Amino acid sequence: MIGVFVIRTPGPEATERVGRALAQEVQPGDCIELHGDLGAGKTCLVRGLAEGLGCDGSQVSSPTFTLMHRHQGSLADLVHIDAYRLHGPEELRDAGYDPADPRAVTAVEWPARAVGALPDRAIRVFITPVADTEREIRVEVAGGTLAERLAGGLAPRPCPSCKTPVGPFAELWPFCCPRCRSADLGRWLGGQYQISRPLEERDLDEG
């Protein structure tokens, strides 16, 4: 059984947040296939994935001319592959790719060019532009504990003001619209919300 999750992101920042959310649910040894045309936002999502794994996201770029980059992370390493210029699966193996690497999560752009070298069981992400910056991101994963975790992390949640379901990558998350965000702010200013415990000095330091 395949679990399918469809997400709309309003811009690159939200697309990166999808990558960070995926990083919270994947484990070393997992492979993420990234499908989409040039400029769809695949590398943008990988940048968020890298940051979520504790890597330096600023170092992530399309590795087209070197085929594969490995980024060290505090939670797991990220192996970033761009198979666009790949001539065959053996070329990926010769580059040192290990599909059973127990220390790394793999993200593969243009995975159709690497058939035969990638694990059969993979998370498949399809990125489709729907406007200048807006993207539709479709995540497909085999049923199991990963599908359950993604369902919890990517599922819409009710707007605090009107309870309309809002996807976690909406521009005004967790609110559905500017009106609801303003209404919530008004309740704070009007004293309708209360902090559950007295403020302590450490709260001010953390702010």
N, C-alpha and C. Protein backbone atom coordinates (compact mmCIF):
# COMPACT_ATOMS: atom_id res chain seq x y z
N MET A 1 0.84 -1.19 0.00
CA MET A 1 0.00 0.00 0.00
C MET A 1 0.88 1.24 0.00
N ILE A 2 0.54 2.22 -0.86
CA ILE A 2 1.32 3.44 -0.99
C ILE A 2 0.60 4.59 -0.31
N GLY A 3 1.32 5.31 0.57
CA GLY A 3 0.78 6.53 1.17
C GLY A 3 1.15 7.71 0.29
N VAL A 4 0.18 8.57 0.01
CA VAL A 4 0.39 9.71 -0.88
C VAL A 4 0.05 10.99 -0.12
N PHE A 5 0.94 11.98 -0.18
CA PHE A 5 0.73 13.26 0.48
C PHE A 5 0.97 14.36 -0.55
N VAL A 6 0.03 15.26 -0.72
CA VAL A 6 0.15 16.36 -1.68
C VAL A 6 0.19 17.67 -0.92
N ILE A 7 1.20 18.47 -1.20
CA ILE A 7 1.46 19.71 -0.47
C ILE A 7 1.59 20.84 -1.49
N ARG A 8 1.04 22.01 -1.20
CA ARG A 8 1.25 23.21 -2.01
C ARG A 8 2.16 24.15 -1.23
N THR A 9 3.23 24.62 -1.87
CA THR A 9 4.11 25.57 -1.22
C THR A 9 4.08 26.88 -2.00
N PRO A 10 3.99 28.02 -1.30
CA PRO A 10 3.88 29.31 -1.99
C PRO A 10 5.20 29.85 -2.52
N GLY A 11 6.32 29.31 -2.05
CA GLY A 11 7.61 29.84 -2.49
C GLY A 11 8.76 28.95 -2.04
N PRO A 12 9.99 29.32 -2.42
CA PRO A 12 11.16 28.49 -2.11
C PRO A 12 11.34 28.21 -0.62
N GLU A 13 11.06 29.20 0.23
CA GLU A 13 11.25 29.00 1.66
C GLU A 13 10.37 27.87 2.18
N ALA A 14 9.12 27.83 1.71
CA ALA A 14 8.21 26.75 2.14
C ALA A 14 8.65 25.41 1.56
N THR A 15 9.19 25.42 0.35
CA THR A 15 9.71 24.18 -0.24
C THR A 15 10.87 23.64 0.60
N GLU A 16 11.73 24.54 1.08
CA GLU A 16 12.80 24.10 1.97
C GLU A 16 12.24 23.52 3.26
N ARG A 17 11.14 24.08 3.76
CA ARG A 17 10.54 23.57 4.99
C ARG A 17 10.01 22.16 4.79
N VAL A 18 9.54 21.84 3.58
CA VAL A 18 9.13 20.46 3.30
C VAL A 18 10.33 19.53 3.46
N GLY A 19 11.49 19.96 2.95
CA GLY A 19 12.70 19.15 3.10
C GLY A 19 13.07 18.96 4.55
N ARG A 20 12.95 20.04 5.35
CA ARG A 20 13.27 19.91 6.78
C ARG A 20 12.29 18.98 7.48
N ALA A 21 11.02 19.01 7.07
CA ALA A 21 10.03 18.11 7.66
C ALA A 21 10.33 16.66 7.31
N LEU A 22 10.73 16.41 6.08
CA LEU A 22 11.10 15.05 5.68
C LEU A 22 12.29 14.56 6.50
N ALA A 23 13.23 15.45 6.77
CA ALA A 23 14.43 15.07 7.52
C ALA A 23 14.07 14.57 8.91
N GLN A 24 12.98 15.06 9.49
CA GLN A 24 12.59 14.64 10.83
C GLN A 24 12.05 13.21 10.84
N GLU A 25 11.66 12.69 9.67
CA GLU A 25 11.01 11.39 9.62
C GLU A 25 11.86 10.29 8.98
N VAL A 26 12.83 10.66 8.14
CA VAL A 26 13.64 9.64 7.48
C VAL A 26 14.74 9.14 8.41
N GLN A 27 15.38 8.06 8.01
CA GLN A 27 16.44 7.45 8.79
C GLN A 27 17.62 7.13 7.88
N PRO A 28 18.84 7.03 8.45
CA PRO A 28 19.99 6.63 7.63
C PRO A 28 19.69 5.35 6.87
N GLY A 29 20.04 5.33 5.60
CA GLY A 29 19.74 4.19 4.73
C GLY A 29 18.57 4.46 3.81
N ASP A 30 17.75 5.49 4.13
CA ASP A 30 16.61 5.83 3.27
C ASP A 30 17.09 6.55 2.02
N CYS A 31 16.34 6.37 0.93
CA CYS A 31 16.62 7.02 -0.35
C CYS A 31 15.40 7.83 -0.77
N ILE A 32 15.64 9.07 -1.15
CA ILE A 32 14.57 9.96 -1.60
C ILE A 32 14.80 10.28 -3.07
N GLU A 33 13.87 9.87 -3.92
CA GLU A 33 13.94 10.18 -5.34
C GLU A 33 13.21 11.48 -5.60
N LEU A 34 13.87 12.40 -6.32
CA LEU A 34 13.30 13.71 -6.60
C LEU A 34 13.02 13.84 -8.09
N HIS A 35 11.72 13.90 -8.43
CA HIS A 35 11.29 13.98 -9.82
C HIS A 35 10.79 15.40 -10.10
N GLY A 36 11.17 15.95 -11.25
CA GLY A 36 10.72 17.29 -11.62
C GLY A 36 11.60 17.86 -12.69
N ASP A 37 11.06 18.80 -13.47
CA ASP A 37 11.82 19.41 -14.55
C ASP A 37 12.90 20.34 -14.01
N LEU A 38 13.73 20.83 -14.89
CA LEU A 38 14.73 21.82 -14.52
C LEU A 38 14.04 23.05 -13.92
N GLY A 39 14.54 23.51 -12.80
CA GLY A 39 13.97 24.68 -12.16
C GLY A 39 12.74 24.41 -11.32
N ALA A 40 12.38 23.15 -11.15
CA ALA A 40 11.17 22.83 -10.39
C ALA A 40 11.35 23.10 -8.89
N GLY A 41 12.56 22.98 -8.39
CA GLY A 41 12.80 23.21 -6.97
C GLY A 41 13.39 22.01 -6.26
N LYS A 42 13.94 21.06 -7.00
CA LYS A 42 14.49 19.85 -6.38
C LYS A 42 15.65 20.18 -5.44
N THR A 43 16.59 20.99 -5.94
CA THR A 43 17.75 21.34 -5.11
C THR A 43 17.32 22.16 -3.91
N CYS A 44 16.29 22.98 -4.08
CA CYS A 44 15.77 23.78 -2.97
C CYS A 44 15.27 22.86 -1.86
N LEU A 45 14.54 21.81 -2.23
CA LEU A 45 14.05 20.87 -1.22
C LEU A 45 15.22 20.13 -0.56
N VAL A 46 16.23 19.78 -1.35
CA VAL A 46 17.40 19.09 -0.79
C VAL A 46 18.12 19.99 0.22
N ARG A 47 18.13 21.28 -0.04
CA ARG A 47 18.77 22.21 0.91
C ARG A 47 18.07 22.15 2.27
N GLY A 48 16.74 22.13 2.25
CA GLY A 48 15.99 21.99 3.50
C GLY A 48 16.23 20.65 4.16
N LEU A 49 16.31 19.60 3.35
CA LEU A 49 16.59 18.26 3.87
C LEU A 49 17.95 18.25 4.58
N ALA A 50 18.94 18.87 3.95
CA ALA A 50 20.28 18.93 4.54
C ALA A 50 20.25 19.64 5.89
N GLU A 51 19.57 20.78 5.94
CA GLU A 51 19.50 21.53 7.20
C GLU A 51 18.81 20.70 8.28
N GLY A 52 17.77 19.97 7.91
CA GLY A 52 17.06 19.15 8.88
C GLY A 52 17.89 17.99 9.41
N LEU A 53 18.88 17.56 8.63
CA LEU A 53 19.77 16.48 9.06
C LEU A 53 20.99 17.00 9.81
N GLY A 54 21.07 18.32 9.95
CA GLY A 54 22.20 18.91 10.65
C GLY A 54 23.39 19.18 9.77
N CYS A 55 23.17 19.27 8.46
CA CYS A 55 24.24 19.62 7.53
C CYS A 55 24.22 21.14 7.29
N ASP A 56 25.23 21.63 6.64
CA ASP A 56 25.29 23.04 6.25
C ASP A 56 24.54 23.21 4.94
N GLY A 57 23.32 23.72 5.02
CA GLY A 57 22.50 23.85 3.83
C GLY A 57 23.08 24.79 2.79
N SER A 58 23.90 25.76 3.22
CA SER A 58 24.48 26.72 2.27
C SER A 58 25.46 26.05 1.31
N GLN A 59 25.91 24.85 1.66
CA GLN A 59 26.85 24.13 0.80
C GLN A 59 26.15 23.27 -0.25
N VAL A 60 24.83 23.21 -0.20
CA VAL A 60 24.07 22.37 -1.12
C VAL A 60 23.81 23.12 -2.42
N SER A 61 24.23 22.53 -3.52
CA SER A 61 23.95 23.06 -4.85
C SER A 61 23.81 21.87 -5.78
N SER A 62 23.38 22.12 -6.99
CA SER A 62 23.25 21.02 -7.93
C SER A 62 24.63 20.41 -8.20
N PRO A 63 24.79 19.10 -7.95
CA PRO A 63 26.11 18.48 -8.13
C PRO A 63 26.32 17.91 -9.53
N THR A 64 25.67 18.51 -10.55
CA THR A 64 25.65 17.94 -11.89
C THR A 64 27.04 17.54 -12.40
N PHE A 65 28.03 18.40 -12.20
CA PHE A 65 29.33 18.14 -12.82
C PHE A 65 30.21 17.22 -11.97
N THR A 66 29.83 16.94 -10.75
CA THR A 66 30.60 16.01 -9.93
C THR A 66 29.79 14.77 -9.57
N LEU A 67 28.56 14.70 -10.02
CA LEU A 67 27.66 13.57 -9.85
C LEU A 67 27.15 13.40 -8.44
N MET A 68 28.05 13.48 -7.44
CA MET A 68 27.65 13.16 -6.08
C MET A 68 28.41 14.01 -5.07
N HIS A 69 27.69 14.54 -4.10
CA HIS A 69 28.30 15.24 -2.98
C HIS A 69 27.85 14.55 -1.69
N ARG A 70 28.74 14.52 -0.72
CA ARG A 70 28.39 14.01 0.61
C ARG A 70 28.54 15.15 1.62
N HIS A 71 27.48 15.42 2.36
CA HIS A 71 27.48 16.49 3.36
C HIS A 71 27.37 15.84 4.74
N GLN A 72 28.29 16.16 5.62
CA GLN A 72 28.26 15.60 6.96
C GLN A 72 27.24 16.33 7.82
N GLY A 73 26.43 15.56 8.57
CA GLY A 73 25.42 16.15 9.42
C GLY A 73 25.45 15.59 10.82
N SER A 74 24.83 16.30 11.75
CA SER A 74 24.83 15.86 13.14
C SER A 74 23.85 14.71 13.37
N LEU A 75 22.79 14.61 12.57
CA LEU A 75 21.84 13.51 12.70
C LEU A 75 22.13 12.39 11.73
N ALA A 76 22.52 12.75 10.53
CA ALA A 76 22.91 11.78 9.50
C ALA A 76 23.61 12.55 8.40
N ASP A 77 24.46 11.87 7.64
CA ASP A 77 25.05 12.49 6.47
C ASP A 77 24.01 12.53 5.35
N LEU A 78 24.21 13.43 4.41
CA LEU A 78 23.36 13.49 3.23
C LEU A 78 24.20 13.25 1.99
N VAL A 79 23.83 12.26 1.22
CA VAL A 79 24.45 12.01 -0.08
C VAL A 79 23.52 12.57 -1.14
N HIS A 80 23.99 13.59 -1.85
CA HIS A 80 23.19 14.30 -2.85
C HIS A 80 23.70 13.92 -4.23
N ILE A 81 22.83 13.28 -5.02
CA ILE A 81 23.21 12.79 -6.34
C ILE A 81 22.39 13.51 -7.40
N ASP A 82 23.04 13.95 -8.47
CA ASP A 82 22.36 14.47 -9.64
C ASP A 82 22.71 13.56 -10.81
N ALA A 83 21.75 12.74 -11.20
CA ALA A 83 22.01 11.70 -12.21
C ALA A 83 21.75 12.18 -13.63
N TYR A 84 21.60 13.49 -13.83
CA TYR A 84 21.22 14.00 -15.15
C TYR A 84 22.21 13.58 -16.24
N ARG A 85 23.50 13.59 -15.93
CA ARG A 85 24.52 13.24 -16.92
C ARG A 85 25.01 11.81 -16.78
N LEU A 86 24.29 11.03 -16.00
CA LEU A 86 24.70 9.63 -15.78
C LEU A 86 24.52 8.81 -17.06
N HIS A 87 25.52 7.98 -17.39
CA HIS A 87 25.45 7.15 -18.59
C HIS A 87 25.04 5.71 -18.29
N GLY A 88 24.96 5.36 -17.02
CA GLY A 88 24.57 4.01 -16.65
C GLY A 88 24.72 3.81 -15.15
N PRO A 89 24.00 2.84 -14.58
CA PRO A 89 24.06 2.64 -13.13
C PRO A 89 25.45 2.29 -12.63
N GLU A 90 26.25 1.65 -13.46
CA GLU A 90 27.59 1.27 -13.02
C GLU A 90 28.45 2.51 -12.76
N GLU A 91 28.17 3.61 -13.46
CA GLU A 91 28.93 4.84 -13.24
C GLU A 91 28.68 5.39 -11.84
N LEU A 92 27.46 5.23 -11.34
CA LEU A 92 27.14 5.68 -9.99
C LEU A 92 27.85 4.81 -8.96
N ARG A 93 27.88 3.52 -9.20
CA ARG A 93 28.59 2.62 -8.29
C ARG A 93 30.08 2.95 -8.28
N ASP A 94 30.64 3.22 -9.46
CA ASP A 94 32.07 3.55 -9.55
C ASP A 94 32.39 4.84 -8.80
N ALA A 95 31.40 5.73 -8.67
CA ALA A 95 31.62 6.98 -7.96
C ALA A 95 31.63 6.79 -6.45
N GLY A 96 31.32 5.57 -6.00
CA GLY A 96 31.37 5.26 -4.57
C GLY A 96 30.02 5.24 -3.89
N TYR A 97 28.93 5.27 -4.66
CA TYR A 97 27.61 5.25 -4.04
C TYR A 97 27.32 3.86 -3.46
N ASP A 98 26.89 3.85 -2.20
CA ASP A 98 26.54 2.62 -1.50
C ASP A 98 25.08 2.71 -1.07
N PRO A 99 24.16 2.00 -1.74
CA PRO A 99 22.74 2.09 -1.38
C PRO A 99 22.43 1.58 0.02
N ALA A 100 23.36 0.84 0.61
CA ALA A 100 23.14 0.30 1.96
C ALA A 100 23.92 1.08 3.01
N ASP A 101 24.38 2.27 2.68
CA ASP A 101 25.16 3.09 3.62
C ASP A 101 24.35 3.33 4.89
N PRO A 102 24.80 2.84 6.04
CA PRO A 102 24.02 2.97 7.28
C PRO A 102 24.16 4.33 7.95
N ARG A 103 24.96 5.23 7.36
CA ARG A 103 25.21 6.53 8.01
C ARG A 103 24.62 7.70 7.24
N ALA A 104 23.96 7.41 6.10
CA ALA A 104 23.55 8.53 5.25
C ALA A 104 22.14 8.35 4.70
N VAL A 105 21.48 9.48 4.50
CA VAL A 105 20.24 9.56 3.73
C VAL A 105 20.65 10.01 2.33
N THR A 106 20.06 9.40 1.30
CA THR A 106 20.40 9.74 -0.08
C THR A 106 19.26 10.49 -0.73
N ALA A 107 19.58 11.58 -1.42
CA ALA A 107 18.60 12.33 -2.22
C ALA A 107 19.09 12.32 -3.66
N VAL A 108 18.26 11.86 -4.58
CA VAL A 108 18.66 11.66 -5.97
C VAL A 108 17.80 12.50 -6.91
N GLU A 109 18.42 13.43 -7.62
CA GLU A 109 17.74 14.16 -8.68
C GLU A 109 17.88 13.38 -9.98
N TRP A 110 16.85 13.40 -10.82
CA TRP A 110 16.79 12.64 -12.07
C TRP A 110 16.99 11.14 -11.82
N PRO A 111 16.22 10.55 -10.91
CA PRO A 111 16.43 9.14 -10.56
C PRO A 111 16.14 8.16 -11.69
N ALA A 112 15.35 8.57 -12.69
CA ALA A 112 15.06 7.66 -13.80
C ALA A 112 16.32 7.28 -14.56
N ARG A 113 17.35 8.10 -14.47
CA ARG A 113 18.62 7.81 -15.15
C ARG A 113 19.52 6.89 -14.33
N ALA A 114 19.08 6.56 -13.12
CA ALA A 114 19.91 5.73 -12.24
C ALA A 114 19.21 4.41 -11.90
N VAL A 115 18.22 4.03 -12.70
CA VAL A 115 17.51 2.76 -12.45
C VAL A 115 18.51 1.61 -12.47
N GLY A 116 18.42 0.75 -11.49
CA GLY A 116 19.35 -0.36 -11.38
C GLY A 116 20.41 -0.14 -10.32
N ALA A 117 20.62 1.12 -9.94
CA ALA A 117 21.61 1.42 -8.91
C ALA A 117 20.96 1.84 -7.61
N LEU A 118 19.69 2.25 -7.66
CA LEU A 118 19.00 2.75 -6.48
C LEU A 118 18.19 1.65 -5.81
N PRO A 119 17.91 1.80 -4.52
CA PRO A 119 17.09 0.80 -3.83
C PRO A 119 15.68 0.73 -4.44
N ASP A 120 15.10 -0.45 -4.42
CA ASP A 120 13.72 -0.61 -4.92
C ASP A 120 12.74 0.15 -4.04
N ARG A 121 13.01 0.17 -2.75
CA ARG A 121 12.12 0.84 -1.80
C ARG A 121 12.65 2.24 -1.55
N ALA A 122 11.93 3.24 -2.04
CA ALA A 122 12.39 4.61 -1.92
C ALA A 122 11.19 5.53 -1.68
N ILE A 123 11.48 6.70 -1.14
CA ILE A 123 10.48 7.75 -1.02
C ILE A 123 10.53 8.54 -2.33
N ARG A 124 9.39 8.68 -2.98
CA ARG A 124 9.36 9.38 -4.27
C ARG A 124 8.68 10.73 -4.11
N VAL A 125 9.38 11.78 -4.52
CA VAL A 125 8.88 13.14 -4.40
C VAL A 125 8.78 13.74 -5.79
N PHE A 126 7.58 14.19 -6.16
CA PHE A 126 7.33 14.80 -7.47
C PHE A 126 7.02 16.28 -7.27
N ILE A 127 7.81 17.16 -7.88
CA ILE A 127 7.65 18.61 -7.72
C ILE A 127 7.18 19.20 -9.04
N THR A 128 6.03 19.87 -9.01
CA THR A 128 5.45 20.44 -10.22
C THR A 128 5.18 21.93 -10.03
N PRO A 129 5.74 22.80 -10.87
CA PRO A 129 5.41 24.23 -10.78
C PRO A 129 3.95 24.46 -11.16
N VAL A 130 3.26 25.29 -10.39
CA VAL A 130 1.88 25.65 -10.71
C VAL A 130 1.72 27.16 -10.86
N ALA A 131 2.75 27.92 -10.56
CA ALA A 131 2.79 29.38 -10.74
C ALA A 131 4.25 29.79 -10.70
N ASP A 132 4.51 31.09 -10.69
CA ASP A 132 5.90 31.56 -10.72
C ASP A 132 6.73 30.94 -9.60
N THR A 133 6.22 30.98 -8.38
CA THR A 133 6.96 30.43 -7.24
C THR A 133 6.23 29.28 -6.56
N GLU A 134 4.96 29.11 -6.84
CA GLU A 134 4.17 28.08 -6.16
C GLU A 134 4.48 26.70 -6.74
N ARG A 135 4.54 25.71 -5.86
CA ARG A 135 4.84 24.35 -6.28
C ARG A 135 3.84 23.37 -5.65
N GLU A 136 3.52 22.32 -6.42
CA GLU A 136 2.79 21.19 -5.86
C GLU A 136 3.80 20.07 -5.63
N ILE A 137 3.87 19.59 -4.41
CA ILE A 137 4.82 18.55 -4.05
C ILE A 137 4.04 17.31 -3.64
N ARG A 138 4.26 16.24 -4.38
CA ARG A 138 3.57 14.97 -4.14
C ARG A 138 4.59 13.98 -3.58
N VAL A 139 4.31 13.45 -2.40
CA VAL A 139 5.21 12.51 -1.74
C VAL A 139 4.55 11.14 -1.73
N GLU A 140 5.25 10.15 -2.26
CA GLU A 140 4.75 8.77 -2.27
C GLU A 140 5.70 7.90 -1.45
N VAL A 141 5.14 7.15 -0.53
CA VAL A 141 5.96 6.28 0.32
C VAL A 141 5.19 5.00 0.61
N ALA A 142 5.91 3.89 0.64
CA ALA A 142 5.26 2.61 0.94
C ALA A 142 4.68 2.64 2.34
N GLY A 143 3.55 1.98 2.51
CA GLY A 143 2.89 1.95 3.82
C GLY A 143 3.80 1.38 4.90
N GLY A 144 3.56 1.80 6.12
CA GLY A 144 4.38 1.37 7.24
C GLY A 144 4.59 2.51 8.21
N THR A 145 5.59 2.37 9.05
CA THR A 145 5.79 3.38 10.09
C THR A 145 6.20 4.72 9.50
N LEU A 146 6.96 4.72 8.39
CA LEU A 146 7.35 5.99 7.79
C LEU A 146 6.12 6.72 7.26
N ALA A 147 5.22 5.98 6.61
CA ALA A 147 4.00 6.61 6.11
C ALA A 147 3.19 7.20 7.25
N GLU A 148 3.15 6.51 8.37
CA GLU A 148 2.40 7.02 9.52
C GLU A 148 3.05 8.29 10.07
N ARG A 149 4.39 8.32 10.13
CA ARG A 149 5.08 9.51 10.64
C ARG A 149 4.88 10.70 9.71
N LEU A 150 4.95 10.45 8.40
CA LEU A 150 4.74 11.53 7.45
C LEU A 150 3.31 12.05 7.53
N ALA A 151 2.36 11.15 7.73
CA ALA A 151 0.96 11.58 7.85
C ALA A 151 0.80 12.54 9.02
N GLY A 152 1.50 12.26 10.11
CA GLY A 152 1.43 13.15 11.27
C GLY A 152 2.14 14.46 11.04
N GLY A 153 3.27 14.42 10.34
CA GLY A 153 4.06 15.63 10.15
C GLY A 153 3.60 16.52 9.02
N LEU A 154 2.94 15.95 7.99
CA LEU A 154 2.57 16.72 6.81
C LEU A 154 1.08 16.99 6.71
N ALA A 155 0.30 16.41 7.60
CA ALA A 155 -1.16 16.56 7.51
C ALA A 155 -1.60 17.98 7.88
N PRO A 156 -2.66 18.48 7.24
CA PRO A 156 -3.20 19.80 7.62
C PRO A 156 -3.67 19.80 9.08
N ARG A 157 -3.64 20.99 9.69
CA ARG A 157 -4.11 21.16 11.07
C ARG A 157 -5.08 22.33 11.11
N PRO A 158 -5.97 22.35 12.09
CA PRO A 158 -6.99 23.41 12.10
C PRO A 158 -6.41 24.79 12.40
N CYS A 159 -6.88 25.78 11.69
CA CYS A 159 -6.52 27.18 11.94
C CYS A 159 -6.92 27.53 13.37
N PRO A 160 -6.05 28.17 14.15
CA PRO A 160 -6.40 28.50 15.54
C PRO A 160 -7.62 29.39 15.67
N SER A 161 -7.94 30.14 14.61
CA SER A 161 -9.06 31.08 14.69
C SER A 161 -10.38 30.48 14.21
N CYS A 162 -10.38 29.88 13.00
CA CYS A 162 -11.65 29.41 12.42
C CYS A 162 -11.73 27.91 12.25
N LYS A 163 -10.65 27.19 12.56
CA LYS A 163 -10.59 25.73 12.51
C LYS A 163 -10.57 25.17 11.09
N THR A 164 -10.42 26.02 10.07
CA THR A 164 -10.25 25.52 8.71
C THR A 164 -8.93 24.76 8.60
N PRO A 165 -8.90 23.57 7.98
CA PRO A 165 -7.63 22.85 7.84
C PRO A 165 -6.61 23.65 7.05
N VAL A 166 -5.40 23.73 7.58
CA VAL A 166 -4.32 24.48 6.94
C VAL A 166 -3.10 23.58 6.83
N GLY A 167 -2.55 23.46 5.62
CA GLY A 167 -1.34 22.68 5.45
C GLY A 167 -0.17 23.32 6.17
N PRO A 168 0.76 22.53 6.70
CA PRO A 168 1.85 23.07 7.51
C PRO A 168 2.85 23.92 6.73
N PHE A 169 2.69 24.01 5.41
CA PHE A 169 3.63 24.81 4.62
C PHE A 169 2.93 25.98 3.95
N ALA A 170 1.71 26.28 4.42
CA ALA A 170 1.00 27.45 3.93
C ALA A 170 1.74 28.72 4.32
N GLU A 171 1.57 29.78 3.53
CA GLU A 171 2.33 31.02 3.74
C GLU A 171 2.09 31.63 5.11
N LEU A 172 0.86 31.52 5.64
CA LEU A 172 0.52 32.14 6.93
C LEU A 172 0.40 31.12 8.06
N TRP A 173 0.92 29.93 7.86
CA TRP A 173 0.86 28.88 8.87
C TRP A 173 1.17 29.45 10.26
N PRO A 174 0.35 29.12 11.28
CA PRO A 174 -0.74 28.13 11.28
C PRO A 174 -2.11 28.70 10.93
N PHE A 175 -2.15 29.95 10.44
CA PHE A 175 -3.43 30.58 10.12
C PHE A 175 -3.76 30.38 8.64
N CYS A 176 -5.06 30.42 8.34
CA CYS A 176 -5.48 30.18 6.96
C CYS A 176 -5.51 31.46 6.13
N CYS A 177 -5.59 32.64 6.79
CA CYS A 177 -5.73 33.89 6.05
C CYS A 177 -5.32 35.06 6.96
N PRO A 178 -5.05 36.22 6.37
CA PRO A 178 -4.66 37.39 7.19
C PRO A 178 -5.73 37.76 8.22
N ARG A 179 -7.00 37.59 7.87
CA ARG A 179 -8.07 37.94 8.80
C ARG A 179 -7.98 37.12 10.08
N CYS A 180 -7.76 35.81 9.95
CA CYS A 180 -7.66 34.95 11.13
C CYS A 180 -6.41 35.27 11.94
N ARG A 181 -5.32 35.61 11.27
CA ARG A 181 -4.10 35.97 11.99
C ARG A 181 -4.32 37.25 12.80
N SER A 182 -5.01 38.23 12.18
CA SER A 182 -5.29 39.48 12.88
C SER A 182 -6.24 39.26 14.06
N ALA A 183 -7.22 38.37 13.87
CA ALA A 183 -8.16 38.09 14.95
C ALA A 183 -7.46 37.45 16.14
N ASP A 184 -6.51 36.58 15.86
CA ASP A 184 -5.76 35.94 16.94
C ASP A 184 -4.91 36.96 17.68
N LEU A 185 -4.27 37.86 16.93
CA LEU A 185 -3.48 38.91 17.57
C LEU A 185 -4.36 39.80 18.44
N GLY A 186 -5.58 40.08 17.96
CA GLY A 186 -6.51 40.89 18.74
C GLY A 186 -6.87 40.24 20.06
N ARG A 187 -7.02 38.92 20.05
CA ARG A 187 -7.33 38.21 21.30
C ARG A 187 -6.17 38.29 22.27
N TRP A 188 -4.93 38.23 21.77
CA TRP A 188 -3.77 38.39 22.64
C TRP A 188 -3.75 39.79 23.25
N LEU A 189 -3.95 40.79 22.41
CA LEU A 189 -3.90 42.17 22.89
C LEU A 189 -5.05 42.48 23.83
N GLY A 190 -6.17 41.78 23.65
CA GLY A 190 -7.33 42.01 24.49
C GLY A 190 -7.31 41.23 25.79
N GLY A 191 -6.24 40.46 26.01
CA GLY A 191 -6.12 39.72 27.27
C GLY A 191 -6.93 38.45 27.34
N GLN A 192 -7.37 37.94 26.17
CA GLN A 192 -8.17 36.72 26.18
C GLN A 192 -7.32 35.47 26.33
N TYR A 193 -6.01 35.59 26.07
CA TYR A 193 -5.10 34.47 26.28
C TYR A 193 -4.31 34.71 27.56
N GLN A 194 -3.96 33.63 28.23
CA GLN A 194 -3.16 33.74 29.44
C GLN A 194 -2.01 32.75 29.37
N ILE A 195 -0.86 33.16 29.89
CA ILE A 195 0.28 32.26 29.97
C ILE A 195 0.05 31.30 31.14
N SER A 196 0.34 30.03 30.92
CA SER A 196 -0.04 28.99 31.88
C SER A 196 0.76 29.02 33.17
N ARG A 197 1.87 29.78 33.22
CA ARG A 197 2.68 29.84 34.44
C ARG A 197 3.33 31.21 34.51
N PRO A 198 3.78 31.62 35.67
CA PRO A 198 4.45 32.93 35.78
C PRO A 198 5.73 32.97 34.95
N LEU A 199 6.04 34.14 34.42
CA LEU A 199 7.29 34.31 33.68
C LEU A 199 8.47 34.21 34.63
N GLU A 200 9.55 33.60 34.13
CA GLU A 200 10.78 33.50 34.89
C GLU A 200 11.89 34.23 34.13
N GLU A 201 12.97 34.53 34.84
CA GLU A 201 14.06 35.28 34.22
C GLU A 201 14.62 34.55 33.01
N ARG A 202 14.67 33.22 33.04
CA ARG A 202 15.22 32.46 31.92
C ARG A 202 14.35 32.60 30.67
N ASP A 203 13.03 32.84 30.84
CA ASP A 203 12.17 33.06 29.68
C ASP A 203 12.58 34.31 28.93
N LEU A 204 12.93 35.35 29.67
CA LEU A 204 13.36 36.59 29.04
C LEU A 204 14.69 36.41 28.34
N ASP A 205 15.58 35.61 28.95
CA ASP A 205 16.88 35.34 28.32
C ASP A 205 16.71 34.59 27.01
N GLU A 206 15.76 33.63 26.97
CA GLU A 206 15.56 32.82 25.78
C GLU A 206 14.91 33.63 24.68
N GLY A 207 14.14 34.67 25.04
CA GLY A 207 13.46 35.47 24.02
C GLY A 207 14.42 36.29 23.22
